[in-house]
Amino acid sequence: MEDTIFTKIIKGEIPCYKVAEDDRYFAFLDISPIARGHVLVVTKLQNDYIFDLPDDLLAGMMLFAKKVAIGLKKAVPCNRVGVAVIGIDVPHNHIHLVPINGVGDLNFKAERVKLTDEEFKEIAASIAAAVEL
């Protein structure tokens, strides 16, 4: 199987704005965010469909995502961190963590937020500093 874009990011072949990593999971900013601070959480194991993951890896992914979401909420003012699993665009399981203030904020058809490289770096650094693994 050919490496997905997420596998290439994990391997360091494609740059990203990393916010957290451990031996099984990786979290980084979405470069086409629906909100400032939109994070993707992926397993290092390349797998297309999240519900095909072994139970322990899926459960661990949610616990890792929880830690990232707690840090995200500390770093980016919001009422909640919305969670979405869509899994259509990239054939590598991933969880979207999106800062939201209302139910309509978790809209993947909305116009994407435009950020500069410097803004991405600042957001990633503030979330990374707030995540406790």
Protein backbone atom coordinates (compact mmCIF):
# COMPACT_ATOMS: atom_id res chain seq x y z
CA MET A 1 0.00 0.00 0.00
CA GLU A 2 1.31 3.44 -0.91
CA ASP A 3 1.90 5.86 1.95
CA THR A 4 -0.92 8.35 2.54
CA ILE A 5 -0.23 12.04 2.97
CA PHE A 6 -0.67 11.52 6.74
CA THR A 7 1.92 8.73 6.80
CA LYS A 8 4.30 11.03 4.91
CA ILE A 9 3.63 13.74 7.51
CA ILE A 10 4.31 11.31 10.38
CA LYS A 11 7.57 10.22 8.71
CA GLY A 12 8.62 13.86 8.32
CA GLU A 13 8.56 13.70 4.52
CA ILE A 14 5.94 16.47 4.41
CA PRO A 15 6.08 19.36 6.87
CA CYS A 16 3.26 19.96 9.33
CA TYR A 17 2.33 21.98 12.38
CA LYS A 18 2.66 19.23 15.00
CA VAL A 19 0.90 19.65 18.34
CA ALA A 20 1.43 16.24 19.98
CA GLU A 21 2.93 12.80 19.40
CA ASP A 22 3.55 9.56 21.20
CA ASP A 23 4.57 6.10 20.04
CA ARG A 24 1.16 5.31 18.46
CA TYR A 25 -0.53 8.63 17.64
CA PHE A 26 0.20 11.95 16.00
CA ALA A 27 -1.71 15.27 16.13
CA PHE A 28 -1.21 18.26 13.85
CA LEU A 29 -3.07 21.31 12.60
CA ASP A 30 -5.34 20.92 9.61
CA ILE A 31 -3.89 23.18 6.88
CA SER A 32 -7.39 23.88 5.59
CA PRO A 33 -9.14 24.51 8.91
CA ILE A 34 -12.82 25.20 9.49
CA ALA A 35 -11.77 27.06 12.67
CA ARG A 36 -8.59 28.48 14.16
CA GLY A 37 -6.94 25.56 16.00
CA HIS A 38 -8.55 22.74 13.96
CA VAL A 39 -6.46 19.64 14.77
CA LEU A 40 -6.25 16.21 13.15
CA VAL A 41 -5.44 13.17 15.29
CA VAL A 42 -4.19 10.10 13.46
CA THR A 43 -2.77 6.71 14.29
CA LYS A 44 0.78 6.04 13.18
CA LEU A 45 -0.55 2.76 11.82
CA GLN A 46 -1.82 3.50 8.33
CA ASN A 47 -5.38 2.28 8.13
CA ASP A 48 -8.21 3.65 6.00
CA TYR A 49 -11.32 3.16 8.14
CA ILE A 50 -11.31 4.07 11.81
CA PHE A 51 -13.68 1.25 12.79
CA ASP A 52 -11.32 -1.33 11.27
CA LEU A 53 -8.70 -0.45 13.90
CA PRO A 54 -8.02 -2.99 16.64
CA ASP A 55 -10.05 -2.12 19.74
CA ASP A 56 -7.04 -1.16 21.85
CA LEU A 57 -5.71 1.20 19.17
CA LEU A 58 -9.12 2.82 18.66
CA ALA A 59 -9.66 3.26 22.42
CA GLY A 60 -6.16 4.67 22.81
CA MET A 61 -6.76 7.05 19.92
CA MET A 62 -9.78 8.51 21.69
CA LEU A 63 -7.82 8.89 24.93
CA PHE A 64 -4.98 10.61 23.04
CA ALA A 65 -7.54 12.85 21.29
CA LYS A 66 -9.01 13.74 24.69
CA LYS A 67 -5.61 14.95 25.93
CA VAL A 68 -5.13 16.99 22.77
CA ALA A 69 -8.67 18.42 23.05
CA ILE A 70 -8.04 19.51 26.64
CA GLY A 71 -4.87 21.30 25.54
CA LEU A 72 -6.65 22.75 22.51
CA LYS A 73 -9.41 24.23 24.69
CA LYS A 74 -6.80 25.82 26.97
CA ALA A 75 -4.93 27.32 24.00
CA VAL A 76 -7.83 28.43 21.79
CA PRO A 77 -10.79 30.15 23.47
CA CYS A 78 -14.00 28.22 22.75
CA ASN A 79 -17.04 26.76 24.49
CA ARG A 80 -16.28 23.19 23.40
CA VAL A 81 -14.04 21.14 21.18
CA GLY A 82 -16.17 19.49 18.54
CA VAL A 83 -15.26 16.01 17.33
CA ALA A 84 -15.86 14.60 13.86
CA VAL A 85 -14.84 11.42 12.10
CA ILE A 86 -15.56 11.59 8.40
CA GLY A 87 -12.83 9.54 6.75
CA ILE A 88 -13.55 10.25 3.12
CA ASP A 89 -10.89 12.64 1.80
CA VAL A 90 -7.74 10.88 3.04
CA PRO A 91 -7.55 7.05 3.27
CA HIS A 92 -5.94 7.17 6.72
CA ASN A 93 -8.10 7.15 9.84
CA HIS A 94 -8.33 10.53 11.54
CA ILE A 95 -10.31 12.48 14.09
CA HIS A 96 -11.06 16.18 13.65
CA LEU A 97 -10.90 18.29 16.82
CA VAL A 98 -12.43 21.70 16.17
CA PRO A 99 -12.88 24.62 18.58
CA ILE A 100 -16.58 25.54 18.53
CA ASN A 101 -18.94 27.94 20.24
CA GLY A 102 -22.16 26.57 18.75
CA VAL A 103 -23.49 23.58 16.86
CA GLY A 104 -23.24 25.37 13.49
CA ASP A 105 -19.50 25.84 13.91
CA LEU A 106 -18.78 22.20 13.03
CA ASN A 107 -19.62 22.76 9.37
CA PHE A 108 -17.20 21.20 6.88
CA LYS A 109 -18.95 22.96 3.98
CA ALA A 110 -18.19 26.40 5.45
CA GLU A 111 -15.50 28.63 3.99
CA ARG A 112 -12.10 27.63 5.33
CA VAL A 113 -10.12 29.87 7.66
CA LYS A 114 -7.06 31.44 6.04
CA LEU A 115 -3.96 31.62 8.26
CA THR A 116 -0.37 32.63 7.63
CA ASP A 117 2.55 30.31 8.27
CA GLU A 118 3.39 32.37 11.34
CA GLU A 119 -0.18 32.08 12.67
CA PHE A 120 -0.12 28.30 12.17
CA LYS A 121 3.20 28.10 14.03
CA GLU A 122 1.91 30.22 16.93
CA ILE A 123 -1.29 28.18 17.26
CA ALA A 124 0.58 24.86 17.08
CA ALA A 125 3.10 26.00 19.70
CA SER A 126 0.37 27.20 22.09
CA ILE A 127 -1.60 23.95 21.77
CA ALA A 128 1.57 21.83 22.10
CA ALA A 129 2.49 23.69 25.28
CA ALA A 130 -0.96 23.01 26.75
CA VAL A 131 -1.15 19.28 25.90
CA GLU A 132 -0.21 16.99 28.77
CA LEU A 133 0.67 13.51 27.53
